[in-house]
Amino acid sequence: MSAIADWSGAACLLAGALLTLAAGVGVLRFPDALGRMHAATKPQVLGVLLLLAGLALRLRTPADLGMIALVALFQLATAPVAAQMVGRAAYRSGRIDRDLLDTDEMAGR
């Protein structure tokens, strides 16, 4: 049973590392602020959660699992808020091409 958990943990670590790498490449390669914001939050959060799941499968002690759960909770709580603030700042500073938006909910403000 321990070998199955170790192999599952290794798979989660590898998948998380690849998603985090894809997020970093997306931040460097996407041309506009909204694309970069998307790349910085969506695959990065999933990548970090997969890395944490891999660590949890590898470590398996109650103290480590508690710390991993706190890190995951903090990541899930802060990444969407940070993305919202970056997107709002980019919109207000005029760094977003408004023609690319499907719905512009802040147009009247």
PDB file of N, CA and C in Angstrom:
ATOM      1  N   MET A   1       0.821  -1.198   0.000  1.00  0.00           N
ATOM      2  CA  MET A   1       0.000   0.000   0.000  1.00  0.00           C
ATOM      3  C   MET A   1       0.864   1.262   0.000  1.00  0.00           C
ATOM      4  N   SER A   2       1.996   1.195   0.684  1.00  0.00           N
ATOM      5  CA  SER A   2       2.886   2.345   0.741  1.00  0.00           C
ATOM      6  C   SER A   2       3.476   2.662  -0.632  1.00  0.00           C
ATOM      7  N   ALA A   3       3.747   1.642  -1.411  1.00  0.00           N
ATOM      8  CA  ALA A   3       4.308   1.861  -2.750  1.00  0.00           C
ATOM      9  C   ALA A   3       3.295   2.547  -3.658  1.00  0.00           C
ATOM     10  N   ILE A   4       2.032   2.193  -3.523  1.00  0.00           N
ATOM     11  CA  ILE A   4       0.998   2.835  -4.341  1.00  0.00           C
ATOM     12  C   ILE A   4       0.888   4.317  -3.990  1.00  0.00           C
ATOM     13  N   ALA A   5       0.924   4.631  -2.697  1.00  0.00           N
ATOM     14  CA  ALA A   5       0.861   6.026  -2.269  1.00  0.00           C
ATOM     15  C   ALA A   5       2.092   6.796  -2.740  1.00  0.00           C
ATOM     16  N   ASP A   6       3.259   6.156  -2.684  1.00  0.00           N
ATOM     17  CA  ASP A   6       4.474   6.824  -3.150  1.00  0.00           C
ATOM     18  C   ASP A   6       4.427   7.097  -4.654  1.00  0.00           C
ATOM     19  N   TRP A   7       3.956   6.144  -5.442  1.00  0.00           N
ATOM     20  CA  TRP A   7       3.852   6.357  -6.886  1.00  0.00           C
ATOM     21  C   TRP A   7       2.787   7.400  -7.221  1.00  0.00           C
ATOM     22  N   SER A   8       1.689   7.381  -6.489  1.00  0.00           N
ATOM     23  CA  SER A   8       0.658   8.413  -6.698  1.00  0.00           C
ATOM     24  C   SER A   8       1.189   9.784  -6.330  1.00  0.00           C
ATOM     25  N   GLY A   9       1.936   9.852  -5.249  1.00  0.00           N
ATOM     26  CA  GLY A   9       2.553  11.113  -4.852  1.00  0.00           C
ATOM     27  C   GLY A   9       3.534  11.618  -5.889  1.00  0.00           C
ATOM     28  N   ALA A  10       4.321  10.705  -6.454  1.00  0.00           N
ATOM     29  CA  ALA A  10       5.275  11.099  -7.501  1.00  0.00           C
ATOM     30  C   ALA A  10       4.545  11.614  -8.736  1.00  0.00           C
ATOM     31  N   ALA A  11       3.434  10.966  -9.091  1.00  0.00           N
ATOM     32  CA  ALA A  11       2.650  11.429 -10.243  1.00  0.00           C
ATOM     33  C   ALA A  11       2.064  12.815  -9.977  1.00  0.00           C
ATOM     34  N   CYS A  12       1.569  13.035  -8.769  1.00  0.00           N
ATOM     35  CA  CYS A  12       1.029  14.357  -8.418  1.00  0.00           C
ATOM     36  C   CYS A  12       2.123  15.416  -8.439  1.00  0.00           C
ATOM     37  N   LEU A  13       3.300  15.076  -7.912  1.00  0.00           N
ATOM     38  CA  LEU A  13       4.412  16.027  -7.925  1.00  0.00           C
ATOM     39  C   LEU A  13       4.830  16.383  -9.348  1.00  0.00           C
ATOM     40  N   LEU A  14       4.892  15.390 -10.213  1.00  0.00           N
ATOM     41  CA  LEU A  14       5.275  15.644 -11.599  1.00  0.00           C
ATOM     42  C   LEU A  14       4.223  16.487 -12.324  1.00  0.00           C
ATOM     43  N   ALA A  15       2.955  16.134 -12.150  1.00  0.00           N
ATOM     44  CA  ALA A  15       1.887  16.904 -12.794  1.00  0.00           C
ATOM     45  C   ALA A  15       1.840  18.333 -12.258  1.00  0.00           C
ATOM     46  N   GLY A  16       2.021  18.496 -10.961  1.00  0.00           N
ATOM     47  CA  GLY A  16       2.025  19.842 -10.377  1.00  0.00           C
ATOM     48  C   GLY A  16       3.186  20.676 -10.865  1.00  0.00           C
ATOM     49  N   ALA A  17       4.349  20.058 -10.985  1.00  0.00           N
ATOM     50  CA  ALA A  17       5.511  20.782 -11.490  1.00  0.00           C
ATOM     51  C   ALA A  17       5.305  21.208 -12.941  1.00  0.00           C
ATOM     52  N   LEU A  18       4.713  20.344 -13.748  1.00  0.00           N
ATOM     53  CA  LEU A  18       4.467  20.696 -15.150  1.00  0.00           C
ATOM     54  C   LEU A  18       3.436  21.816 -15.275  1.00  0.00           C
ATOM     55  N   LEU A  19       2.393  21.772 -14.460  1.00  0.00           N
ATOM     56  CA  LEU A  19       1.391  22.844 -14.505  1.00  0.00           C
ATOM     57  C   LEU A  19       1.975  24.174 -14.026  1.00  0.00           C
ATOM     58  N   THR A  20       2.801  24.123 -13.009  1.00  0.00           N
ATOM     59  CA  THR A  20       3.434  25.346 -12.526  1.00  0.00           C
ATOM     60  C   THR A  20       4.400  25.898 -13.566  1.00  0.00           C
ATOM     61  N   LEU A  21       5.113  25.024 -14.253  1.00  0.00           N
ATOM     62  CA  LEU A  21       5.980  25.460 -15.347  1.00  0.00           C
ATOM     63  C   LEU A  21       5.165  26.089 -16.469  1.00  0.00           C
ATOM     64  N   ALA A  22       4.040  25.474 -16.809  1.00  0.00           N
ATOM     65  CA  ALA A  22       3.175  26.038 -17.850  1.00  0.00           C
ATOM     66  C   ALA A  22       2.654  27.416 -17.444  1.00  0.00           C
ATOM     67  N   ALA A  23       2.359  27.593 -16.167  1.00  0.00           N
ATOM     68  CA  ALA A  23       1.909  28.904 -15.694  1.00  0.00           C
ATOM     69  C   ALA A  23       3.013  29.946 -15.851  1.00  0.00           C
ATOM     70  N   GLY A  24       4.226  29.576 -15.514  1.00  0.00           N
ATOM     71  CA  GLY A  24       5.342  30.509 -15.666  1.00  0.00           C
ATOM     72  C   GLY A  24       5.597  30.872 -17.116  1.00  0.00           C
ATOM     73  N   VAL A  25       5.526  29.896 -17.992  1.00  0.00           N
ATOM     74  CA  VAL A  25       5.706  30.168 -19.421  1.00  0.00           C
ATOM     75  C   VAL A  25       4.577  31.056 -19.932  1.00  0.00           C
ATOM     76  N   GLY A  26       3.355  30.807 -19.476  1.00  0.00           N
ATOM     77  CA  GLY A  26       2.218  31.627 -19.888  1.00  0.00           C
ATOM     78  C   GLY A  26       2.348  33.069 -19.449  1.00  0.00           C
ATOM     79  N   VAL A  27       2.860  33.292 -18.254  1.00  0.00           N
ATOM     80  CA  VAL A  27       3.067  34.664 -17.774  1.00  0.00           C
ATOM     81  C   VAL A  27       4.079  35.386 -18.654  1.00  0.00           C
ATOM     82  N   LEU A  28       5.087  34.673 -19.106  1.00  0.00           N
ATOM     83  CA  LEU A  28       6.097  35.293 -19.954  1.00  0.00           C
ATOM     84  C   LEU A  28       5.632  35.479 -21.392  1.00  0.00           C
ATOM     85  N   ARG A  29       4.790  34.584 -21.892  1.00  0.00           N
ATOM     86  CA  ARG A  29       4.475  34.578 -23.314  1.00  0.00           C
ATOM     87  C   ARG A  29       3.174  35.279 -23.710  1.00  0.00           C
ATOM     88  N   PHE A  30       2.190  35.341 -22.816  1.00  0.00           N
ATOM     89  CA  PHE A  30       0.912  35.943 -23.205  1.00  0.00           C
ATOM     90  C   PHE A  30       1.072  37.450 -23.402  1.00  0.00           C
ATOM     91  N   PRO A  31       0.385  38.008 -24.397  1.00  0.00           N
ATOM     92  CA  PRO A  31       0.641  39.399 -24.771  1.00  0.00           C
ATOM     93  C   PRO A  31      -0.065  40.450 -23.908  1.00  0.00           C
ATOM     94  N   ASP A  32      -1.167  40.124 -23.280  1.00  0.00           N
ATOM     95  CA  ASP A  32      -1.919  41.157 -22.571  1.00  0.00           C
ATOM     96  C   ASP A  32      -2.065  40.812 -21.095  1.00  0.00           C
ATOM     97  N   ALA A  33      -2.542  41.797 -20.335  1.00  0.00           N
ATOM     98  CA  ALA A  33      -2.645  41.648 -18.879  1.00  0.00           C
ATOM     99  C   ALA A  33      -3.645  40.567 -18.483  1.00  0.00           C
ATOM    100  N   LEU A  34      -4.753  40.463 -19.200  1.00  0.00           N
ATOM    101  CA  LEU A  34      -5.750  39.456 -18.840  1.00  0.00           C
ATOM    102  C   LEU A  34      -5.239  38.040 -19.079  1.00  0.00           C
ATOM    103  N   GLY A  35      -4.528  37.835 -20.156  1.00  0.00           N
ATOM    104  CA  GLY A  35      -3.951  36.527 -20.425  1.00  0.00           C
ATOM    105  C   GLY A  35      -2.902  36.148 -19.395  1.00  0.00           C
ATOM    106  N   ARG A  36      -2.079  37.113 -19.030  1.00  0.00           N
ATOM    107  CA  ARG A  36      -1.066  36.852 -18.005  1.00  0.00           C
ATOM    108  C   ARG A  36      -1.710  36.572 -16.655  1.00  0.00           C
ATOM    109  N   MET A  37      -2.760  37.313 -16.355  1.00  0.00           N
ATOM    110  CA  MET A  37      -3.458  37.101 -15.088  1.00  0.00           C
ATOM    111  C   MET A  37      -4.060  35.698 -15.045  1.00  0.00           C
ATOM    112  N   HIS A  38      -4.637  35.262 -16.147  1.00  0.00           N
ATOM    113  CA  HIS A  38      -5.205  33.923 -16.231  1.00  0.00           C
ATOM    114  C   HIS A  38      -4.122  32.862 -16.043  1.00  0.00           C
ATOM    115  N   ALA A  39      -2.990  33.052 -16.717  1.00  0.00           N
ATOM    116  CA  ALA A  39      -1.895  32.083 -16.609  1.00  0.00           C
ATOM    117  C   ALA A  39      -1.285  32.069 -15.217  1.00  0.00           C
ATOM    118  N   ALA A  40      -1.317  33.198 -14.548  1.00  0.00           N
ATOM    119  CA  ALA A  40      -0.715  33.267 -13.219  1.00  0.00           C
ATOM    120  C   ALA A  40      -1.593  32.649 -12.143  1.00  0.00           C
ATOM    121  N   THR A  41      -2.883  32.462 -12.414  1.00  0.00           N
ATOM    122  CA  THR A  41      -3.750  31.955 -11.355  1.00  0.00           C
ATOM    123  C   THR A  41      -4.277  30.553 -11.624  1.00  0.00           C
ATOM    124  N   LYS A  42      -4.857  30.311 -12.778  1.00  0.00           N
ATOM    125  CA  LYS A  42      -5.539  29.033 -13.009  1.00  0.00           C
ATOM    126  C   LYS A  42      -4.600  27.825 -12.950  1.00  0.00           C
ATOM    127  N   PRO A  43      -3.626  27.695 -13.849  1.00  0.00           N
ATOM    128  CA  PRO A  43      -2.788  26.490 -13.772  1.00  0.00           C
ATOM    129  C   PRO A  43      -1.838  26.509 -12.578  1.00  0.00           C
ATOM    130  N   GLN A  44      -1.488  27.701 -12.112  1.00  0.00           N
ATOM    131  CA  GLN A  44      -0.569  27.781 -10.987  1.00  0.00           C
ATOM    132  C   GLN A  44      -1.209  27.248  -9.716  1.00  0.00           C
ATOM    133  N   VAL A  45      -2.460  27.605  -9.466  1.00  0.00           N
ATOM    134  CA  VAL A  45      -3.145  27.126  -8.264  1.00  0.00           C
ATOM    135  C   VAL A  45      -3.327  25.614  -8.329  1.00  0.00           C
ATOM    136  N   LEU A  46      -3.752  25.099  -9.462  1.00  0.00           N
ATOM    137  CA  LEU A  46      -3.902  23.652  -9.603  1.00  0.00           C
ATOM    138  C   LEU A  46      -2.550  22.955  -9.465  1.00  0.00           C
ATOM    139  N   GLY A  47      -1.502  23.551 -10.019  1.00  0.00           N
ATOM    140  CA  GLY A  47      -0.173  22.977  -9.887  1.00  0.00           C
ATOM    141  C   GLY A  47       0.296  22.922  -8.439  1.00  0.00           C
ATOM    142  N   VAL A  48       0.071  23.994  -7.707  1.00  0.00           N
ATOM    143  CA  VAL A  48       0.461  24.006  -6.293  1.00  0.00           C
ATOM    144  C   VAL A  48      -0.357  22.991  -5.502  1.00  0.00           C
ATOM    145  N   LEU A  49      -1.645  22.886  -5.796  1.00  0.00           N
ATOM    146  CA  LEU A  49      -2.468  21.905  -5.088  1.00  0.00           C
ATOM    147  C   LEU A  49      -2.023  20.476  -5.395  1.00  0.00           C
ATOM    148  N   LEU A  50      -1.634  20.219  -6.631  1.00  0.00           N
ATOM    149  CA  LEU A  50      -1.112  18.887  -6.969  1.00  0.00           C
ATOM    150  C   LEU A  50       0.228  18.626  -6.277  1.00  0.00           C
ATOM    151  N   LEU A  51       1.064  19.642  -6.201  1.00  0.00           N
ATOM    152  CA  LEU A  51       2.319  19.482  -5.474  1.00  0.00           C
ATOM    153  C   LEU A  51       2.060  19.181  -3.996  1.00  0.00           C
ATOM    154  N   LEU A  52       1.112  19.882  -3.414  1.00  0.00           N
ATOM    155  CA  LEU A  52       0.774  19.644  -2.010  1.00  0.00           C
ATOM    156  C   LEU A  52       0.167  18.254  -1.809  1.00  0.00           C
ATOM    157  N   ALA A  53      -0.644  17.811  -2.757  1.00  0.00           N
ATOM    158  CA  ALA A  53      -1.202  16.460  -2.666  1.00  0.00           C
ATOM    159  C   ALA A  53      -0.092  15.416  -2.754  1.00  0.00           C
ATOM    160  N   GLY A  54       0.877  15.653  -3.620  1.00  0.00           N
ATOM    161  CA  GLY A  54       2.017  14.747  -3.719  1.00  0.00           C
ATOM    162  C   GLY A  54       2.820  14.711  -2.432  1.00  0.00           C
ATOM    163  N   LEU A  55       3.011  15.873  -1.818  1.00  0.00           N
ATOM    164  CA  LEU A  55       3.709  15.913  -0.535  1.00  0.00           C
ATOM    165  C   LEU A  55       2.917  15.191   0.546  1.00  0.00           C
ATOM    166  N   ALA A  56       1.611  15.387   0.546  1.00  0.00           N
ATOM    167  CA  ALA A  56       0.772  14.735   1.555  1.00  0.00           C
ATOM    168  C   ALA A  56       0.829  13.222   1.405  1.00  0.00           C
ATOM    169  N   LEU A  57       0.837  12.741   0.178  1.00  0.00           N
ATOM    170  CA  LEU A  57       0.930  11.298  -0.043  1.00  0.00           C
ATOM    171  C   LEU A  57       2.300  10.748   0.340  1.00  0.00           C
ATOM    172  N   ARG A  58       3.304  11.578   0.265  1.00  0.00           N
ATOM    173  CA  ARG A  58       4.660  11.135   0.588  1.00  0.00           C
ATOM    174  C   ARG A  58       4.944  11.222   2.088  1.00  0.00           C
ATOM    175  N   LEU A  59       4.512  12.287   2.748  1.00  0.00           N
ATOM    176  CA  LEU A  59       4.883  12.499   4.144  1.00  0.00           C
ATOM    177  C   LEU A  59       3.978  11.738   5.126  1.00  0.00           C
ATOM    178  N   ARG A  60       2.687  11.935   5.038  1.00  0.00           N
ATOM    179  CA  ARG A  60       1.666  11.189   5.773  1.00  0.00           C
ATOM    180  C   ARG A  60       1.701  11.309   7.291  1.00  0.00           C
ATOM    181  N   THR A  61       2.340  12.314   7.865  1.00  0.00           N
ATOM    182  CA  THR A  61       2.273  12.511   9.312  1.00  0.00           C
ATOM    183  C   THR A  61       1.236  13.580   9.617  1.00  0.00           C
ATOM    184  N   PRO A  62       0.568  13.495  10.763  1.00  0.00           N
ATOM    185  CA  PRO A  62      -0.495  14.460  11.065  1.00  0.00           C
ATOM    186  C   PRO A  62      -0.027  15.919  11.082  1.00  0.00           C
ATOM    187  N   ALA A  63       1.152  16.170  11.601  1.00  0.00           N
ATOM    188  CA  ALA A  63       1.654  17.548  11.636  1.00  0.00           C
ATOM    189  C   ALA A  63       1.897  18.075  10.220  1.00  0.00           C
ATOM    190  N   ASP A  64       2.465  17.236   9.378  1.00  0.00           N
ATOM    191  CA  ASP A  64       2.719  17.643   7.989  1.00  0.00           C
ATOM    192  C   ASP A  64       1.418  17.831   7.221  1.00  0.00           C
ATOM    193  N   LEU A  65       0.471  16.949   7.431  1.00  0.00           N
ATOM    194  CA  LEU A  65      -0.818  17.073   6.740  1.00  0.00           C
ATOM    195  C   LEU A  65      -1.557  18.338   7.160  1.00  0.00           C
ATOM    196  N   GLY A  66      -1.467  18.691   8.430  1.00  0.00           N
ATOM    197  CA  GLY A  66      -2.091  19.936   8.890  1.00  0.00           C
ATOM    198  C   GLY A  66      -1.460  21.154   8.247  1.00  0.00           C
ATOM    199  N   MET A  67      -0.140  21.163   8.153  1.00  0.00           N
ATOM    200  CA  MET A  67       0.556  22.292   7.527  1.00  0.00           C
ATOM    201  C   MET A  67       0.232  22.364   6.033  1.00  0.00           C
ATOM    202  N   ILE A  68       0.179  21.223   5.377  1.00  0.00           N
ATOM    203  CA  ILE A  68      -0.152  21.185   3.948  1.00  0.00           C
ATOM    204  C   ILE A  68      -1.573  21.690   3.724  1.00  0.00           C
ATOM    205  N   ALA A  69      -2.492  21.324   4.604  1.00  0.00           N
ATOM    206  CA  ALA A  69      -3.876  21.801   4.481  1.00  0.00           C
ATOM    207  C   ALA A  69      -3.942  23.311   4.658  1.00  0.00           C
ATOM    208  N   LEU A  70      -3.167  23.856   5.577  1.00  0.00           N
ATOM    209  CA  LEU A  70      -3.145  25.311   5.771  1.00  0.00           C
ATOM    210  C   LEU A  70      -2.579  26.033   4.548  1.00  0.00           C
ATOM    211  N   VAL A  71      -1.528  25.490   3.977  1.00  0.00           N
ATOM    212  CA  VAL A  71      -0.940  26.095   2.774  1.00  0.00           C
ATOM    213  C   VAL A  71      -1.942  26.052   1.616  1.00  0.00           C
ATOM    214  N   ALA A  72      -2.625  24.930   1.451  1.00  0.00           N
ATOM    215  CA  ALA A  72      -3.621  24.810   0.381  1.00  0.00           C
ATOM    216  C   ALA A  72      -4.769  25.798   0.600  1.00  0.00           C
ATOM    217  N   LEU A  73      -5.234  25.917   1.818  1.00  0.00           N
ATOM    218  CA  LEU A  73      -6.313  26.858   2.124  1.00  0.00           C
ATOM    219  C   LEU A  73      -5.886  28.298   1.854  1.00  0.00           C
ATOM    220  N   PHE A  74      -4.670  28.643   2.255  1.00  0.00           N
ATOM    221  CA  PHE A  74      -4.158  29.986   2.015  1.00  0.00           C
ATOM    222  C   PHE A  74      -4.027  30.261   0.519  1.00  0.00           C
ATOM    223  N   GLN A  75      -3.558  29.290  -0.229  1.00  0.00           N
ATOM    224  CA  GLN A  75      -3.417  29.452  -1.683  1.00  0.00           C
ATOM    225  C   GLN A  75      -4.777  29.658  -2.342  1.00  0.00           C
ATOM    226  N   LEU A  76      -5.759  28.861  -1.931  1.00  0.00           N
ATOM    227  CA  LEU A  76      -7.098  28.987  -2.505  1.00  0.00           C
ATOM    228  C   LEU A  76      -7.774  30.294  -2.115  1.00  0.00           C
ATOM    229  N   ALA A  77      -7.414  30.836  -0.958  1.00  0.00           N
ATOM    230  CA  ALA A  77      -8.033  32.081  -0.506  1.00  0.00           C
ATOM    231  C   ALA A  77      -7.392  33.315  -1.125  1.00  0.00           C
ATOM    232  N   THR A  78      -6.098  33.277  -1.394  1.00  0.00           N
ATOM    233  CA  THR A  78      -5.413  34.487  -1.842  1.00  0.00           C
ATOM    234  C   THR A  78      -5.288  34.626  -3.354  1.00  0.00           C
ATOM    235  N   ALA A  79      -5.165  33.544  -4.087  1.00  0.00           N
ATOM    236  CA  ALA A  79      -4.945  33.641  -5.537  1.00  0.00           C
ATOM    237  C   ALA A  79      -6.107  34.306  -6.272  1.00  0.00           C
ATOM    238  N   PRO A  80      -7.366  33.969  -6.002  1.00  0.00           N
ATOM    239  CA  PRO A  80      -8.445  34.657  -6.713  1.00  0.00           C
ATOM    240  C   PRO A  80      -8.539  36.149  -6.365  1.00  0.00           C
ATOM    241  N   VAL A  81      -8.269  36.487  -5.121  1.00  0.00           N
ATOM    242  CA  VAL A  81      -8.313  37.891  -4.714  1.00  0.00           C
ATOM    243  C   VAL A  81      -7.199  38.672  -5.395  1.00  0.00           C
ATOM    244  N   ALA A  82      -6.011  38.094  -5.446  1.00  0.00           N
ATOM    245  CA  ALA A  82      -4.897  38.760  -6.116  1.00  0.00           C
ATOM    246  C   ALA A  82      -5.181  38.937  -7.604  1.00  0.00           C
ATOM    247  N   ALA A  83      -5.754  37.929  -8.243  1.00  0.00           N
ATOM    248  CA  ALA A  83      -6.086  38.043  -9.663  1.00  0.00           C
ATOM    249  C   ALA A  83      -7.130  39.122  -9.900  1.00  0.00           C
ATOM    250  N   GLN A  84      -8.112  39.216  -9.018  1.00  0.00           N
ATOM    251  CA  GLN A  84      -9.135  40.260  -9.132  1.00  0.00           C
ATOM    252  C   GLN A  84      -8.511  41.643  -9.021  1.00  0.00           C
ATOM    253  N   MET A  85      -7.613  41.823  -8.083  1.00  0.00           N
ATOM    254  CA  MET A  85      -6.987  43.134  -7.893  1.00  0.00           C
ATOM    255  C   MET A  85      -6.074  43.495  -9.060  1.00  0.00           C
ATOM    256  N   VAL A  86      -5.336  42.521  -9.593  1.00  0.00           N
ATOM    257  CA  VAL A  86      -4.476  42.790 -10.748  1.00  0.00           C
ATOM    258  C   VAL A  86      -5.324  43.138 -11.963  1.00  0.00           C
ATOM    259  N   GLY A  87      -6.397  42.399 -12.185  1.00  0.00           N
ATOM    260  CA  GLY A  87      -7.282  42.693 -13.306  1.00  0.00           C
ATOM    261  C   GLY A  87      -7.941  44.058 -13.189  1.00  0.00           C
ATOM    262  N   ARG A  88      -8.359  44.396 -11.999  1.00  0.00           N
ATOM    263  CA  ARG A  88      -8.997  45.699 -11.789  1.00  0.00           C
ATOM    264  C   ARG A  88      -8.005  46.847 -11.984  1.00  0.00           C
ATOM    265  N   ALA A  89      -6.783  46.672 -11.487  1.00  0.00           N
ATOM    266  CA  ALA A  89      -5.758  47.700 -11.683  1.00  0.00           C
ATOM    267  C   ALA A  89      -5.404  47.846 -13.161  1.00  0.00           C
ATOM    268  N   ALA A  90      -5.323  46.739 -13.877  1.00  0.00           N
ATOM    269  CA  ALA A  90      -5.026  46.810 -15.313  1.00  0.00           C
ATOM    270  C   ALA A  90      -6.155  47.499 -16.059  1.00  0.00           C
ATOM    271  N   TYR A  91      -7.389  47.226 -15.679  1.00  0.00           N
ATOM    272  CA  TYR A  91      -8.536  47.865 -16.335  1.00  0.00           C
ATOM    273  C   TYR A  91      -8.524  49.367 -16.086  1.00  0.00           C
ATOM    274  N   ARG A  92      -8.328  49.742 -14.849  1.00  0.00           N
ATOM    275  CA  ARG A  92      -8.365  51.173 -14.504  1.00  0.00           C
ATOM    276  C   ARG A  92      -7.197  51.952 -15.093  1.00  0.00           C
ATOM    277  N   SER A  93      -6.064  51.309 -15.302  1.00  0.00           N
ATOM    278  CA  SER A  93      -4.916  52.015 -15.862  1.00  0.00           C
ATOM    279  C   SER A  93      -4.931  52.014 -17.391  1.00  0.00           C
ATOM    280  N   GLY A  94      -5.927  51.357 -17.997  1.00  0.00           N
ATOM    281  CA  GLY A  94      -6.059  51.362 -19.443  1.00  0.00           C
ATOM    282  C   GLY A  94      -5.158  50.379 -20.159  1.00  0.00           C
ATOM    283  N   ARG A  95      -4.681  49.362 -19.493  1.00  0.00           N
ATOM    284  CA  ARG A  95      -3.790  48.383 -20.105  1.00  0.00           C
ATOM    285  C   ARG A  95      -4.527  47.199 -20.699  1.00  0.00           C
ATOM    286  N   ILE A  96      -5.852  47.274 -20.753  1.00  0.00           N
ATOM    287  CA  ILE A  96      -6.669  46.202 -21.309  1.00  0.00           C
ATOM    288  C   ILE A  96      -7.355  46.715 -22.566  1.00  0.00           C
ATOM    289  N   ASP A  97      -7.290  45.931 -23.630  1.00  0.00           N
ATOM    290  CA  ASP A  97      -8.009  46.255 -24.858  1.00  0.00           C
ATOM    291  C   ASP A  97      -9.480  45.909 -24.632  1.00  0.00           C
ATOM    292  N   ARG A  98     -10.310  46.902 -24.502  1.00  0.00           N
ATOM    293  CA  ARG A  98     -11.713  46.685 -24.156  1.00  0.00           C
ATOM    294  C   ARG A  98     -12.497  46.016 -25.275  1.00  0.00           C
ATOM    295  N   ASP A  99     -11.956  46.007 -26.476  1.00  0.00           N
ATOM    296  CA  ASP A  99     -12.625  45.305 -27.576  1.00  0.00           C
ATOM    297  C   ASP A  99     -12.570  43.792 -27.394  1.00  0.00           C
ATOM    298  N   LEU A 100     -11.630  43.301 -26.601  1.00  0.00           N
ATOM    299  CA  LEU A 100     -11.500  41.866 -26.362  1.00  0.00           C
ATOM    300  C   LEU A 100     -12.472  41.354 -25.300  1.00  0.00           C
ATOM    301  N   LEU A 101     -13.095  42.259 -24.566  1.00  0.00           N
ATOM    302  CA  LEU A 101     -14.001  41.857 -23.490  1.00  0.00           C
ATOM    303  C   LEU A 101     -15.369  41.484 -24.058  1.00  0.00           C
ATOM    304  N   ASP A 102     -15.925  40.385 -23.604  1.00  0.00           N
ATOM    305  CA  ASP A 102     -17.288  40.010 -23.992  1.00  0.00           C
ATOM    306  C   ASP A 102     -18.301  40.922 -23.324  1.00  0.00           C
ATOM    307  N   THR A 103     -18.128  41.146 -22.032  1.00  0.00           N
ATOM    308  CA  THR A 103     -19.011  42.006 -21.259  1.00  0.00           C
ATOM    309  C   THR A 103     -18.147  42.959 -20.460  1.00  0.00           C
ATOM    310  N   ASP A 104     -18.411  44.248 -20.591  1.00  0.00           N
ATOM    311  CA  ASP A 104     -17.661  45.249 -19.855  1.00  0.00           C
ATOM    312  C   ASP A 104     -18.566  45.797 -18.742  1.00  0.00           C
ATOM    313  N   GLU A 105     -18.504  45.175 -17.584  1.00  0.00           N
ATOM    314  CA  GLU A 105     -19.370  45.548 -16.471  1.00  0.00           C
ATOM    315  C   GLU A 105     -18.939  46.831 -15.791  1.00  0.00           C
ATOM    316  N   MET A 106     -17.732  47.284 -16.039  1.00  0.00           N
ATOM    317  CA  MET A 106     -17.251  48.506 -15.396  1.00  0.00           C
ATOM    318  C   MET A 106     -17.262  49.699 -16.352  1.00  0.00           C
ATOM    319  N   ALA A 107     -17.935  49.589 -17.484  1.00  0.00           N
ATOM    320  CA  ALA A 107     -17.904  50.649 -18.493  1.00  0.00           C
ATOM    321  C   ALA A 107     -18.547  51.940 -17.994  1.00  0.00           C
ATOM    322  N   GLY A 108     -19.553  51.852 -17.180  1.00  0.00           N
ATOM    323  CA  GLY A 108     -20.245  53.049 -16.720  1.00  0.00           C
ATOM    324  C   GLY A 108     -19.588  53.738 -15.543  1.00  0.00           C
ATOM    325  N   ARG A 109     -18.534  53.183 -15.013  1.00  0.00           N
ATOM    326  CA  ARG A 109     -17.908  53.749 -13.810  1.00  0.00           C
ATOM    327  C   ARG A 109     -16.794  54.691 -14.145  1.00  0.00           C
TER     328      ARG A 109
END
